[in-house]
Amino acid sequence: ALRSKLGLPDDRLWINVNRHVTGAIRAKYDGLGCSPGLP
């Protein structure tokens, strides 16, 4: 409902904080199969 009402691309989101996993850290994270858990 949050996604639909706000017109968001997805409901995999963080509110008022930046938890993006990008760049070289994302490459390592993906290489580990996301095993470190959520950011």
PDB file of all heavy atoms in Angstrom:
ATOM      1  N   ALA A   1       0.833  -1.204   0.000  1.00  0.00           N
ATOM      2  CA  ALA A   1       0.000   0.000   0.000  1.00  0.00           C
ATOM      3  C   ALA A   1       0.867   1.254   0.000  1.00  0.00           C
ATOM      4  O   ALA A   1       0.560   2.239  -0.682  1.00  0.00           O
ATOM      5  CB  ALA A   1      -0.924  -0.009   1.214  1.00  0.00           C
ATOM      6  N   LEU A   2       1.951   1.231   0.765  1.00  0.00           N
ATOM      7  CA  LEU A   2       2.873   2.371   0.801  1.00  0.00           C
ATOM      8  C   LEU A   2       3.443   2.623  -0.587  1.00  0.00           C
ATOM      9  O   LEU A   2       3.472   3.766  -1.070  1.00  0.00           O
ATOM     10  CB  LEU A   2       4.003   2.089   1.788  1.00  0.00           C
ATOM     11  CG  LEU A   2       5.028   3.207   1.991  1.00  0.00           C
ATOM     12  CD1 LEU A   2       4.400   4.380   2.736  1.00  0.00           C
ATOM     13  CD2 LEU A   2       6.243   2.686   2.758  1.00  0.00           C
ATOM     14  N   ARG A   3       3.852   1.563  -1.237  1.00  0.00           N
ATOM     15  CA  ARG A   3       4.413   1.694  -2.587  1.00  0.00           C
ATOM     16  C   ARG A   3       3.364   2.251  -3.559  1.00  0.00           C
ATOM     17  O   ARG A   3       3.651   3.165  -4.333  1.00  0.00           O
ATOM     18  CB  ARG A   3       4.890   0.329  -3.076  1.00  0.00           C
ATOM     19  CG  ARG A   3       5.302   0.295  -4.538  1.00  0.00           C
ATOM     20  CD  ARG A   3       5.603  -1.113  -5.006  1.00  0.00           C
ATOM     21  NE  ARG A   3       5.983  -1.147  -6.404  1.00  0.00           N
ATOM     22  CZ  ARG A   3       6.310  -2.244  -7.074  1.00  0.00           C
ATOM     23  NH1 ARG A   3       6.291  -3.410  -6.446  1.00  0.00           N
ATOM     24  NH2 ARG A   3       6.647  -2.192  -8.333  1.00  0.00           N
ATOM     25  N   SER A   4       2.176   1.675  -3.530  1.00  0.00           N
ATOM     26  CA  SER A   4       1.131   2.082  -4.469  1.00  0.00           C
ATOM     27  C   SER A   4       0.704   3.527  -4.265  1.00  0.00           C
ATOM     28  O   SER A   4       0.600   4.303  -5.224  1.00  0.00           O
ATOM     29  CB  SER A   4      -0.067   1.144  -4.319  1.00  0.00           C
ATOM     30  OG  SER A   4      -1.126   1.550  -5.154  1.00  0.00           O
ATOM     31  N   LYS A   5       0.448   3.901  -3.024  1.00  0.00           N
ATOM     32  CA  LYS A   5      -0.059   5.246  -2.747  1.00  0.00           C
ATOM     33  C   LYS A   5       0.974   6.329  -3.060  1.00  0.00           C
ATOM     34  O   LYS A   5       0.618   7.443  -3.465  1.00  0.00           O
ATOM     35  CB  LYS A   5      -0.500   5.341  -1.290  1.00  0.00           C
ATOM     36  CG  LYS A   5      -1.777   4.573  -0.970  1.00  0.00           C
ATOM     37  CD  LYS A   5      -2.106   4.660   0.510  1.00  0.00           C
ATOM     38  CE  LYS A   5      -3.398   3.925   0.841  1.00  0.00           C
ATOM     39  NZ  LYS A   5      -4.581   4.595   0.263  1.00  0.00           N
ATOM     40  N   LEU A   6       2.254   6.014  -2.887  1.00  0.00           N
ATOM     41  CA  LEU A   6       3.296   7.007  -3.129  1.00  0.00           C
ATOM     42  C   LEU A   6       3.902   6.886  -4.528  1.00  0.00           C
ATOM     43  O   LEU A   6       4.762   7.684  -4.904  1.00  0.00           O
ATOM     44  CB  LEU A   6       4.407   6.878  -2.084  1.00  0.00           C
ATOM     45  CG  LEU A   6       4.002   7.129  -0.626  1.00  0.00           C
ATOM     46  CD1 LEU A   6       5.217   7.025   0.290  1.00  0.00           C
ATOM     47  CD2 LEU A   6       3.339   8.500  -0.475  1.00  0.00           C
ATOM     48  N   GLY A   7       3.453   5.887  -5.287  1.00  0.00           N
ATOM     49  CA  GLY A   7       3.965   5.722  -6.641  1.00  0.00           C
ATOM     50  C   GLY A   7       5.435   5.351  -6.683  1.00  0.00           C
ATOM     51  O   GLY A   7       6.177   5.816  -7.564  1.00  0.00           O
ATOM     52  N   LEU A   8       5.883   4.495  -5.765  1.00  0.00           N
ATOM     53  CA  LEU A   8       7.290   4.134  -5.659  1.00  0.00           C
ATOM     54  C   LEU A   8       7.633   2.956  -6.576  1.00  0.00           C
ATOM     55  O   LEU A   8       6.769   2.127  -6.882  1.00  0.00           O
ATOM     56  CB  LEU A   8       7.628   3.764  -4.212  1.00  0.00           C
ATOM     57  CG  LEU A   8       7.354   4.856  -3.169  1.00  0.00           C
ATOM     58  CD1 LEU A   8       7.577   4.307  -1.769  1.00  0.00           C
ATOM     59  CD2 LEU A   8       8.240   6.069  -3.425  1.00  0.00           C
ATOM     60  N   PRO A   9       8.887   2.842  -7.014  1.00  0.00           N
ATOM     61  CA  PRO A   9       9.275   1.720  -7.874  1.00  0.00           C
ATOM     62  C   PRO A   9       9.193   0.361  -7.186  1.00  0.00           C
ATOM     63  O   PRO A   9       9.038  -0.659  -7.836  1.00  0.00           O
ATOM     64  CB  PRO A   9      10.734   2.049  -8.255  1.00  0.00           C
ATOM     65  CG  PRO A   9      10.871   3.517  -8.032  1.00  0.00           C
ATOM     66  CD  PRO A   9       9.972   3.823  -6.864  1.00  0.00           C
ATOM     67  N   ASP A  10       9.316   0.338  -5.861  1.00  0.00           N
ATOM     68  CA  ASP A  10       9.378  -0.938  -5.144  1.00  0.00           C
ATOM     69  C   ASP A  10       9.068  -0.668  -3.678  1.00  0.00           C
ATOM     70  O   ASP A  10       9.076   0.485  -3.223  1.00  0.00           O
ATOM     71  CB  ASP A  10      10.779  -1.543  -5.286  1.00  0.00           C
ATOM     72  CG  ASP A  10      10.833  -3.032  -4.952  1.00  0.00           C
ATOM     73  OD1 ASP A  10       9.831  -3.583  -4.461  1.00  0.00           O
ATOM     74  OD2 ASP A  10      11.893  -3.656  -5.185  1.00  0.00           O
ATOM     75  N   ASP A  11       8.780  -1.734  -2.916  1.00  0.00           N
ATOM     76  CA  ASP A  11       8.629  -1.581  -1.466  1.00  0.00           C
ATOM     77  C   ASP A  11       9.866  -2.115  -0.732  1.00  0.00           C
ATOM     78  O   ASP A  11       9.857  -2.261   0.477  1.00  0.00           O
ATOM     79  CB  ASP A  11       7.359  -2.251  -0.942  1.00  0.00           C
ATOM     80  CG  ASP A  11       7.132  -3.647  -1.481  1.00  0.00           C
ATOM     81  OD1 ASP A  11       8.065  -4.205  -2.080  1.00  0.00           O
ATOM     82  OD2 ASP A  11       6.025  -4.185  -1.307  1.00  0.00           O
ATOM     83  N   ARG A  12      10.935  -2.376  -1.469  1.00  0.00           N
ATOM     84  CA  ARG A  12      12.235  -2.630  -0.848  1.00  0.00           C
ATOM     85  C   ARG A  12      12.915  -1.270  -0.696  1.00  0.00           C
ATOM     86  O   ARG A  12      13.664  -0.827  -1.573  1.00  0.00           O
ATOM     87  CB  ARG A  12      13.086  -3.577  -1.699  1.00  0.00           C
ATOM     88  CG  ARG A  12      14.355  -4.043  -0.992  1.00  0.00           C
ATOM     89  CD  ARG A  12      15.101  -5.099  -1.813  1.00  0.00           C
ATOM     90  NE  ARG A  12      16.125  -5.755  -1.011  1.00  0.00           N
ATOM     91  CZ  ARG A  12      17.414  -5.440  -1.015  1.00  0.00           C
ATOM     92  NH1 ARG A  12      17.857  -4.468  -1.800  1.00  0.00           N
ATOM     93  NH2 ARG A  12      18.272  -6.096  -0.259  1.00  0.00           N
ATOM     94  N   LEU A  13      12.637  -0.629   0.415  1.00  0.00           N
ATOM     95  CA  LEU A  13      13.060   0.753   0.588  1.00  0.00           C
ATOM     96  C   LEU A  13      13.375   1.046   2.044  1.00  0.00           C
ATOM     97  O   LEU A  13      12.962   0.330   2.951  1.00  0.00           O
ATOM     98  CB  LEU A  13      11.967   1.702   0.082  1.00  0.00           C
ATOM     99  CG  LEU A  13      10.574   1.557   0.728  1.00  0.00           C
ATOM    100  CD1 LEU A  13      10.410   2.536   1.868  1.00  0.00           C
ATOM    101  CD2 LEU A  13       9.483   1.760  -0.314  1.00  0.00           C
ATOM    102  N   TRP A  14      14.134   2.093   2.243  1.00  0.00           N
ATOM    103  CA  TRP A  14      14.454   2.593   3.573  1.00  0.00           C
ATOM    104  C   TRP A  14      13.974   4.035   3.661  1.00  0.00           C
ATOM    105  O   TRP A  14      14.085   4.797   2.683  1.00  0.00           O
ATOM    106  CB  TRP A  14      15.957   2.494   3.830  1.00  0.00           C
ATOM    107  CG  TRP A  14      16.375   1.098   4.183  1.00  0.00           C
ATOM    108  CD1 TRP A  14      16.618   0.613   5.425  1.00  0.00           C
ATOM    109  CD2 TRP A  14      16.566  -0.008   3.289  1.00  0.00           C
ATOM    110  NE1 TRP A  14      16.952  -0.723   5.373  1.00  0.00           N
ATOM    111  CE2 TRP A  14      16.922  -1.130   4.075  1.00  0.00           C
ATOM    112  CE3 TRP A  14      16.453  -0.173   1.906  1.00  0.00           C
ATOM    113  CZ2 TRP A  14      17.185  -2.375   3.527  1.00  0.00           C
ATOM    114  CZ3 TRP A  14      16.707  -1.414   1.360  1.00  0.00           C
ATOM    115  CH2 TRP A  14      17.066  -2.500   2.166  1.00  0.00           C
ATOM    116  N   ILE A  15      13.423   4.395   4.812  1.00  0.00           N
ATOM    117  CA  ILE A  15      12.777   5.701   4.968  1.00  0.00           C
ATOM    118  C   ILE A  15      13.667   6.625   5.786  1.00  0.00           C
ATOM    119  O   ILE A  15      14.059   6.303   6.915  1.00  0.00           O
ATOM    120  CB  ILE A  15      11.406   5.541   5.656  1.00  0.00           C
ATOM    121  CG1 ILE A  15      10.521   4.581   4.842  1.00  0.00           C
ATOM    122  CG2 ILE A  15      10.723   6.899   5.806  1.00  0.00           C
ATOM    123  CD1 ILE A  15       9.241   4.184   5.543  1.00  0.00           C
ATOM    124  N   ASN A  16      13.987   7.775   5.212  1.00  0.00           N
ATOM    125  CA  ASN A  16      14.795   8.820   5.868  1.00  0.00           C
ATOM    126  C   ASN A  16      16.232   8.389   6.174  1.00  0.00           C
ATOM    127  O   ASN A  16      16.922   9.046   6.957  1.00  0.00           O
ATOM    128  CB  ASN A  16      14.128   9.315   7.161  1.00  0.00           C
ATOM    129  CG  ASN A  16      12.839  10.059   6.862  1.00  0.00           C
ATOM    130  OD1 ASN A  16      12.693  10.674   5.806  1.00  0.00           O
ATOM    131  ND2 ASN A  16      11.896   9.996   7.783  1.00  0.00           N
ATOM    132  N   VAL A  17      16.688   7.294   5.590  1.00  0.00           N
ATOM    133  CA  VAL A  17      18.078   6.868   5.710  1.00  0.00           C
ATOM    134  C   VAL A  17      18.518   6.301   4.364  1.00  0.00           C
ATOM    135  O   VAL A  17      17.700   5.843   3.579  1.00  0.00           O
ATOM    136  CB  VAL A  17      18.288   5.799   6.810  1.00  0.00           C
ATOM    137  CG1 VAL A  17      18.055   6.365   8.191  1.00  0.00           C
ATOM    138  CG2 VAL A  17      17.375   4.591   6.572  1.00  0.00           C
ATOM    139  N   ASN A  18      19.809   6.336   4.106  1.00  0.00           N
ATOM    140  CA  ASN A  18      20.351   5.790   2.867  1.00  0.00           C
ATOM    141  C   ASN A  18      21.043   4.467   3.177  1.00  0.00           C
ATOM    142  O   ASN A  18      22.068   4.441   3.853  1.00  0.00           O
ATOM    143  CB  ASN A  18      21.347   6.777   2.253  1.00  0.00           C
ATOM    144  CG  ASN A  18      21.845   6.313   0.881  1.00  0.00           C
ATOM    145  OD1 ASN A  18      21.756   5.144   0.541  1.00  0.00           O
ATOM    146  ND2 ASN A  18      22.377   7.247   0.102  1.00  0.00           N
ATOM    147  N   ARG A  19      20.478   3.381   2.695  1.00  0.00           N
ATOM    148  CA  ARG A  19      21.062   2.062   2.903  1.00  0.00           C
ATOM    149  C   ARG A  19      21.508   1.449   1.566  1.00  0.00           C
ATOM    150  O   ARG A  19      21.644   0.226   1.450  1.00  0.00           O
ATOM    151  CB  ARG A  19      20.058   1.130   3.583  1.00  0.00           C
ATOM    152  CG  ARG A  19      19.642   1.569   4.986  1.00  0.00           C
ATOM    153  CD  ARG A  19      20.776   1.379   5.979  1.00  0.00           C
ATOM    154  NE  ARG A  19      20.355   1.664   7.347  1.00  0.00           N
ATOM    155  CZ  ARG A  19      20.505   2.831   7.951  1.00  0.00           C
ATOM    156  NH1 ARG A  19      21.065   3.843   7.283  1.00  0.00           N
ATOM    157  NH2 ARG A  19      20.099   3.021   9.194  1.00  0.00           N
ATOM    158  N   HIS A  20      21.714   2.279   0.549  1.00  0.00           N
ATOM    159  CA  HIS A  20      22.131   1.763  -0.742  1.00  0.00           C
ATOM    160  C   HIS A  20      23.469   1.034  -0.630  1.00  0.00           C
ATOM    161  O   HIS A  20      24.404   1.515   0.021  1.00  0.00           O
ATOM    162  CB  HIS A  20      22.272   2.903  -1.757  1.00  0.00           C
ATOM    163  CG  HIS A  20      20.963   3.427  -2.243  1.00  0.00           C
ATOM    164  ND1 HIS A  20      20.851   4.601  -2.953  1.00  0.00           N
ATOM    165  CD2 HIS A  20      19.702   2.952  -2.125  1.00  0.00           C
ATOM    166  CE1 HIS A  20      19.583   4.823  -3.253  1.00  0.00           C
ATOM    167  NE2 HIS A  20      18.870   3.834  -2.757  1.00  0.00           N
ATOM    168  N   VAL A  21      23.542  -0.117  -1.267  1.00  0.00           N
ATOM    169  CA  VAL A  21      24.791  -0.875  -1.350  1.00  0.00           C
ATOM    170  C   VAL A  21      25.263  -0.750  -2.796  1.00  0.00           C
ATOM    171  O   VAL A  21      24.656  -1.316  -3.707  1.00  0.00           O
ATOM    172  CB  VAL A  21      24.585  -2.349  -0.965  1.00  0.00           C
ATOM    173  CG1 VAL A  21      25.922  -3.081  -0.927  1.00  0.00           C
ATOM    174  CG2 VAL A  21      23.869  -2.462   0.375  1.00  0.00           C
ATOM    175  N   THR A  22      26.328   0.014  -3.007  1.00  0.00           N
ATOM    176  CA  THR A  22      26.737   0.353  -4.364  1.00  0.00           C
ATOM    177  C   THR A  22      28.237   0.142  -4.562  1.00  0.00           C
ATOM    178  O   THR A  22      28.982  -0.143  -3.631  1.00  0.00           O
ATOM    179  CB  THR A  22      26.393   1.821  -4.685  1.00  0.00           C
ATOM    180  OG1 THR A  22      27.086   2.674  -3.757  1.00  0.00           O
ATOM    181  CG2 THR A  22      24.893   2.065  -4.571  1.00  0.00           C
ATOM    182  N   GLY A  23      28.669   0.313  -5.832  1.00  0.00           N
ATOM    183  CA  GLY A  23      30.083   0.312  -6.160  1.00  0.00           C
ATOM    184  C   GLY A  23      30.815  -0.957  -5.774  1.00  0.00           C
ATOM    185  O   GLY A  23      30.303  -2.069  -5.875  1.00  0.00           O
ATOM    186  N   ALA A  24      32.053  -0.788  -5.313  1.00  0.00           N
ATOM    187  CA  ALA A  24      32.908  -1.935  -4.973  1.00  0.00           C
ATOM    188  C   ALA A  24      32.348  -2.727  -3.795  1.00  0.00           C
ATOM    189  O   ALA A  24      32.497  -3.954  -3.741  1.00  0.00           O
ATOM    190  CB  ALA A  24      34.319  -1.449  -4.662  1.00  0.00           C
ATOM    191  N   ILE A  25      31.708  -2.057  -2.851  1.00  0.00           N
ATOM    192  CA  ILE A  25      31.114  -2.774  -1.719  1.00  0.00           C
ATOM    193  C   ILE A  25      29.958  -3.640  -2.207  1.00  0.00           C
ATOM    194  O   ILE A  25      29.786  -4.781  -1.762  1.00  0.00           O
ATOM    195  CB  ILE A  25      30.672  -1.797  -0.620  1.00  0.00           C
ATOM    196  CG1 ILE A  25      31.911  -1.224   0.082  1.00  0.00           C
ATOM    197  CG2 ILE A  25      29.761  -2.482   0.397  1.00  0.00           C
ATOM    198  CD1 ILE A  25      31.610  -0.295   1.235  1.00  0.00           C
ATOM    199  N   ARG A  26      29.182  -3.123  -3.157  1.00  0.00           N
ATOM    200  CA  ARG A  26      28.094  -3.933  -3.722  1.00  0.00           C
ATOM    201  C   ARG A  26      28.654  -5.151  -4.452  1.00  0.00           C
ATOM    202  O   ARG A  26      28.100  -6.257  -4.354  1.00  0.00           O
ATOM    203  CB  ARG A  26      27.242  -3.096  -4.665  1.00  0.00           C
ATOM    204  CG  ARG A  26      26.109  -3.858  -5.362  1.00  0.00           C
ATOM    205  CD  ARG A  26      25.108  -4.452  -4.364  1.00  0.00           C
ATOM    206  NE  ARG A  26      24.020  -5.118  -5.048  1.00  0.00           N
ATOM    207  CZ  ARG A  26      22.843  -4.541  -5.329  1.00  0.00           C
ATOM    208  NH1 ARG A  26      22.625  -3.282  -5.002  1.00  0.00           N
ATOM    209  NH2 ARG A  26      21.893  -5.209  -5.944  1.00  0.00           N
ATOM    210  N   ALA A  27      29.753  -4.971  -5.184  1.00  0.00           N
ATOM    211  CA  ALA A  27      30.353  -6.104  -5.889  1.00  0.00           C
ATOM    212  C   ALA A  27      30.754  -7.199  -4.905  1.00  0.00           C
ATOM    213  O   ALA A  27      30.545  -8.392  -5.154  1.00  0.00           O
ATOM    214  CB  ALA A  27      31.555  -5.640  -6.705  1.00  0.00           C
ATOM    215  N   LYS A  28      31.348  -6.804  -3.780  1.00  0.00           N
ATOM    216  CA  LYS A  28      31.734  -7.780  -2.761  1.00  0.00           C
ATOM    217  C   LYS A  28      30.502  -8.423  -2.137  1.00  0.00           C
ATOM    218  O   LYS A  28      30.441  -9.648  -1.948  1.00  0.00           O
ATOM    219  CB  LYS A  28      32.571  -7.098  -1.675  1.00  0.00           C
ATOM    220  CG  LYS A  28      33.011  -8.019  -0.550  1.00  0.00           C
ATOM    221  CD  LYS A  28      33.930  -9.121  -1.055  1.00  0.00           C
ATOM    222  CE  LYS A  28      34.413 -10.010   0.074  1.00  0.00           C
ATOM    223  NZ  LYS A  28      35.285 -11.110  -0.415  1.00  0.00           N
ATOM    224  N   TYR A  29      29.505  -7.620  -1.827  1.00  0.00           N
ATOM    225  CA  TYR A  29      28.261  -8.095  -1.222  1.00  0.00           C
ATOM    226  C   TYR A  29      27.581  -9.127  -2.126  1.00  0.00           C
ATOM    227  O   TYR A  29      27.172 -10.207  -1.673  1.00  0.00           O
ATOM    228  CB  TYR A  29      27.355  -6.898  -0.974  1.00  0.00           C
ATOM    229  CG  TYR A  29      26.022  -7.204  -0.349  1.00  0.00           C
ATOM    230  CD1 TYR A  29      25.910  -7.512   1.002  1.00  0.00           C
ATOM    231  CD2 TYR A  29      24.843  -7.155  -1.109  1.00  0.00           C
ATOM    232  CE1 TYR A  29      24.675  -7.770   1.586  1.00  0.00           C
ATOM    233  CE2 TYR A  29      23.611  -7.406  -0.539  1.00  0.00           C
ATOM    234  CZ  TYR A  29      23.533  -7.708   0.816  1.00  0.00           C
ATOM    235  OH  TYR A  29      22.309  -7.957   1.378  1.00  0.00           O
ATOM    236  N   ASP A  30      27.481  -8.795  -3.409  1.00  0.00           N
ATOM    237  CA  ASP A  30      26.865  -9.729  -4.346  1.00  0.00           C
ATOM    238  C   ASP A  30      27.696 -11.003  -4.473  1.00  0.00           C
ATOM    239  O   ASP A  30      27.159 -12.104  -4.588  1.00  0.00           O
ATOM    240  CB  ASP A  30      26.703  -9.073  -5.717  1.00  0.00           C
ATOM    241  CG  ASP A  30      25.542  -8.094  -5.766  1.00  0.00           C
ATOM    242  OD1 ASP A  30      24.713  -8.103  -4.837  1.00  0.00           O
ATOM    243  OD2 ASP A  30      25.456  -7.311  -6.743  1.00  0.00           O
ATOM    244  N   GLY A  31      29.032 -10.853  -4.464  1.00  0.00           N
ATOM    245  CA  GLY A  31      29.900 -12.017  -4.550  1.00  0.00           C
ATOM    246  C   GLY A  31      29.739 -12.963  -3.375  1.00  0.00           C
ATOM    247  O   GLY A  31      30.002 -14.158  -3.494  1.00  0.00           O
ATOM    248  N   LEU A  32      29.294 -12.434  -2.251  1.00  0.00           N
ATOM    249  CA  LEU A  32      29.037 -13.248  -1.062  1.00  0.00           C
ATOM    250  C   LEU A  32      27.607 -13.781  -1.027  1.00  0.00           C
ATOM    251  O   LEU A  32      27.184 -14.361  -0.026  1.00  0.00           O
ATOM    252  CB  LEU A  32      29.301 -12.421   0.197  1.00  0.00           C
ATOM    253  CG  LEU A  32      30.757 -12.012   0.443  1.00  0.00           C
ATOM    254  CD1 LEU A  32      30.834 -10.962   1.551  1.00  0.00           C
ATOM    255  CD2 LEU A  32      31.604 -13.227   0.802  1.00  0.00           C
ATOM    256  N   GLY A  33      26.871 -13.567  -2.104  1.00  0.00           N
ATOM    257  CA  GLY A  33      25.493 -14.055  -2.155  1.00  0.00           C
ATOM    258  C   GLY A  33      24.582 -13.385  -1.152  1.00  0.00           C
ATOM    259  O   GLY A  33      23.640 -14.007  -0.653  1.00  0.00           O
ATOM    260  N   CYS A  34      24.854 -12.105  -0.859  1.00  0.00           N
ATOM    261  CA  CYS A  34      24.068 -11.320   0.108  1.00  0.00           C
ATOM    262  C   CYS A  34      24.142 -11.875   1.525  1.00  0.00           C
ATOM    263  O   CYS A  34      23.336 -11.487   2.386  1.00  0.00           O
ATOM    264  CB  CYS A  34      22.603 -11.206  -0.324  1.00  0.00           C
ATOM    265  SG  CYS A  34      22.334 -10.546  -1.984  1.00  0.00           S
ATOM    266  N   SER A  35      25.093 -12.777   1.796  1.00  0.00           N
ATOM    267  CA  SER A  35      25.164 -13.414   3.111  1.00  0.00           C
ATOM    268  C   SER A  35      25.429 -12.461   4.275  1.00  0.00           C
ATOM    269  O   SER A  35      25.094 -12.812   5.424  1.00  0.00           O
ATOM    270  CB  SER A  35      26.224 -14.514   3.106  1.00  0.00           C
ATOM    271  OG  SER A  35      27.507 -13.995   2.811  1.00  0.00           O
ATOM    272  N   PRO A  36      26.021 -11.263   4.076  1.00  0.00           N
ATOM    273  CA  PRO A  36      26.156 -10.349   5.222  1.00  0.00           C
ATOM    274  C   PRO A  36      24.825  -9.870   5.785  1.00  0.00           C
ATOM    275  O   PRO A  36      24.782  -9.263   6.854  1.00  0.00           O
ATOM    276  CB  PRO A  36      26.967  -9.178   4.645  1.00  0.00           C
ATOM    277  CG  PRO A  36      27.764  -9.790   3.542  1.00  0.00           C
ATOM    278  CD  PRO A  36      26.822 -10.794   2.926  1.00  0.00           C
ATOM    279  N   GLY A  37      23.722 -10.125   5.090  1.00  0.00           N
ATOM    280  CA  GLY A  37      22.423  -9.674   5.556  1.00  0.00           C
ATOM    281  C   GLY A  37      22.079  -8.293   5.047  1.00  0.00           C
ATOM    282  O   GLY A  37      22.787  -7.718   4.211  1.00  0.00           O
ATOM    283  N   LEU A  38      20.991  -7.736   5.546  1.00  0.00           N
ATOM    284  CA  LEU A  38      20.545  -6.418   5.100  1.00  0.00           C
ATOM    285  C   LEU A  38      21.487  -5.337   5.608  1.00  0.00           C
ATOM    286  O   LEU A  38      22.061  -5.461   6.699  1.00  0.00           O
ATOM    287  CB  LEU A  38      19.130  -6.142   5.599  1.00  0.00           C
ATOM    288  CG  LEU A  38      18.030  -7.063   5.076  1.00  0.00           C
ATOM    289  CD1 LEU A  38      16.687  -6.688   5.698  1.00  0.00           C
ATOM    290  CD2 LEU A  38      17.944  -7.016   3.562  1.00  0.00           C
ATOM    291  N   PRO A  39      21.656  -4.260   4.845  1.00  0.00           N
ATOM    292  CA  PRO A  39      22.509  -3.158   5.321  1.00  0.00           C
ATOM    293  C   PRO A  39      21.884  -2.466   6.525  1.00  0.00           C
ATOM    294  O   PRO A  39      20.665  -2.306   6.599  1.00  0.00           O
ATOM    295  CB  PRO A  39      22.568  -2.220   4.103  1.00  0.00           C
ATOM    296  CG  PRO A  39      21.321  -2.520   3.338  1.00  0.00           C
ATOM    297  CD  PRO A  39      21.070  -3.981   3.523  1.00  0.00           C
TER     298      PRO A  39
END
